[in-house]
Amino acid sequence: MTVGGLNFSCPRCNNPLFFTFRLADQGDSMTREIHCPGCKTTWRVGLDIHPK
C-alpha cells in the first residue's frame, strides 16, 4: 500500500492546494476532484502507480 499527499499550487490563482491519497498496489489508480477556495475552480487530479 502506498500512502502520501500532494501539495501543489492552483494554475489559475496560485493558491496552495493539498490532498492525501492511498493506492493499494502496482496498477492501482484514482481520480480526485480538488476545489480551489481562491478562484472556485474544480480541478481533476489523476494518480496511478506503476513500475518504471
C-alpha atoms as a PDB file:
ATOM      1  CA  MET A   1       0.000   0.000   0.000  1.00  0.00           C
ATOM      2  CA  THR A   2       1.233   3.476  -0.899  1.00  0.00           C
ATOM      3  CA  VAL A   3       0.015   6.424   1.180  1.00  0.00           C
ATOM      4  CA  GLY A   4       1.012  10.034   0.664  1.00  0.00           C
ATOM      5  CA  GLY A   5      -0.001  13.575  -0.013  1.00  0.00           C
ATOM      6  CA  LEU A   6       0.319  16.005  -2.872  1.00  0.00           C
ATOM      7  CA  ASN A   7       0.927  19.687  -2.391  1.00  0.00           C
ATOM      8  CA  PHE A   8       0.714  21.968  -5.426  1.00  0.00           C
ATOM      9  CA  SER A   9      -0.432  25.446  -6.460  1.00  0.00           C
ATOM     10  CA  CYS A  10      -3.583  26.241  -8.400  1.00  0.00           C
ATOM     11  CA  PRO A  11      -2.602  27.041 -12.010  1.00  0.00           C
ATOM     12  CA  ARG A  12      -5.120  29.911 -12.134  1.00  0.00           C
ATOM     13  CA  CYS A  13      -4.619  31.810  -8.881  1.00  0.00           C
ATOM     14  CA  ASN A  14      -1.503  30.201  -7.348  1.00  0.00           C
ATOM     15  CA  ASN A  15      -3.436  29.232  -4.194  1.00  0.00           C
ATOM     16  CA  PRO A  16      -1.796  26.288  -2.362  1.00  0.00           C
ATOM     17  CA  LEU A  17      -3.773  23.027  -2.666  1.00  0.00           C
ATOM     18  CA  PHE A  18      -3.218  19.765  -0.792  1.00  0.00           C
ATOM     19  CA  PHE A  19      -4.801  16.321  -0.713  1.00  0.00           C
ATOM     20  CA  THR A  20      -3.943  12.886   0.644  1.00  0.00           C
ATOM     21  CA  PHE A  21      -4.217   9.594  -1.174  1.00  0.00           C
ATOM     22  CA  ARG A  22      -3.965   5.847  -0.664  1.00  0.00           C
ATOM     23  CA  LEU A  23      -3.193   3.425  -3.504  1.00  0.00           C
ATOM     24  CA  ALA A  24      -3.327  -0.314  -2.936  1.00  0.00           C
ATOM     25  CA  ASP A  25      -0.593  -1.718  -5.180  1.00  0.00           C
ATOM     26  CA  GLN A  26       1.005  -1.628  -8.618  1.00  0.00           C
ATOM     27  CA  GLY A  27      -1.650  -0.946 -11.246  1.00  0.00           C
ATOM     28  CA  ASP A  28      -3.949   0.913  -8.857  1.00  0.00           C
ATOM     29  CA  SER A  29      -5.153   4.387  -9.800  1.00  0.00           C
ATOM     30  CA  MET A  30      -7.541   7.058  -8.621  1.00  0.00           C
ATOM     31  CA  THR A  31      -9.033  10.353  -9.727  1.00  0.00           C
ATOM     32  CA  ARG A  32      -9.982  13.039  -7.259  1.00  0.00           C
ATOM     33  CA  GLU A  33     -11.621  16.445  -7.667  1.00  0.00           C
ATOM     34  CA  ILE A  34      -9.915  19.307  -5.854  1.00  0.00           C
ATOM     35  CA  HIS A  35     -11.832  22.551  -5.284  1.00  0.00           C
ATOM     36  CA  CYS A  36      -9.719  25.703  -5.119  1.00  0.00           C
ATOM     37  CA  PRO A  37     -11.057  28.053  -2.424  1.00  0.00           C
ATOM     38  CA  GLY A  38      -9.377  31.052  -4.091  1.00  0.00           C
ATOM     39  CA  CYS A  39     -10.785  31.078  -7.636  1.00  0.00           C
ATOM     40  CA  LYS A  40     -13.565  28.453  -7.103  1.00  0.00           C
ATOM     41  CA  THR A  41     -12.176  26.246  -9.908  1.00  0.00           C
ATOM     42  CA  THR A  42     -12.597  22.473  -9.696  1.00  0.00           C
ATOM     43  CA  TRP A  43      -9.534  20.525 -10.790  1.00  0.00           C
ATOM     44  CA  ARG A  44      -9.457  16.803 -11.530  1.00  0.00           C
ATOM     45  CA  VAL A  45      -6.224  15.143 -10.411  1.00  0.00           C
ATOM     46  CA  GLY A  46      -5.318  11.624 -11.544  1.00  0.00           C
ATOM     47  CA  LEU A  47      -2.806   9.350  -9.835  1.00  0.00           C
ATOM     48  CA  ASP A  48      -1.574   5.902 -10.745  1.00  0.00           C
ATOM     49  CA  ILE A  49       1.165   3.634  -9.501  1.00  0.00           C
ATOM     50  CA  HIS A  50       3.229   1.637 -11.995  1.00  0.00           C
ATOM     51  CA  PRO A  51       6.798   0.370 -12.418  1.00  0.00           C
ATOM     52  CA  LYS A  52       9.417   2.435 -14.248  1.00  0.00           C
END
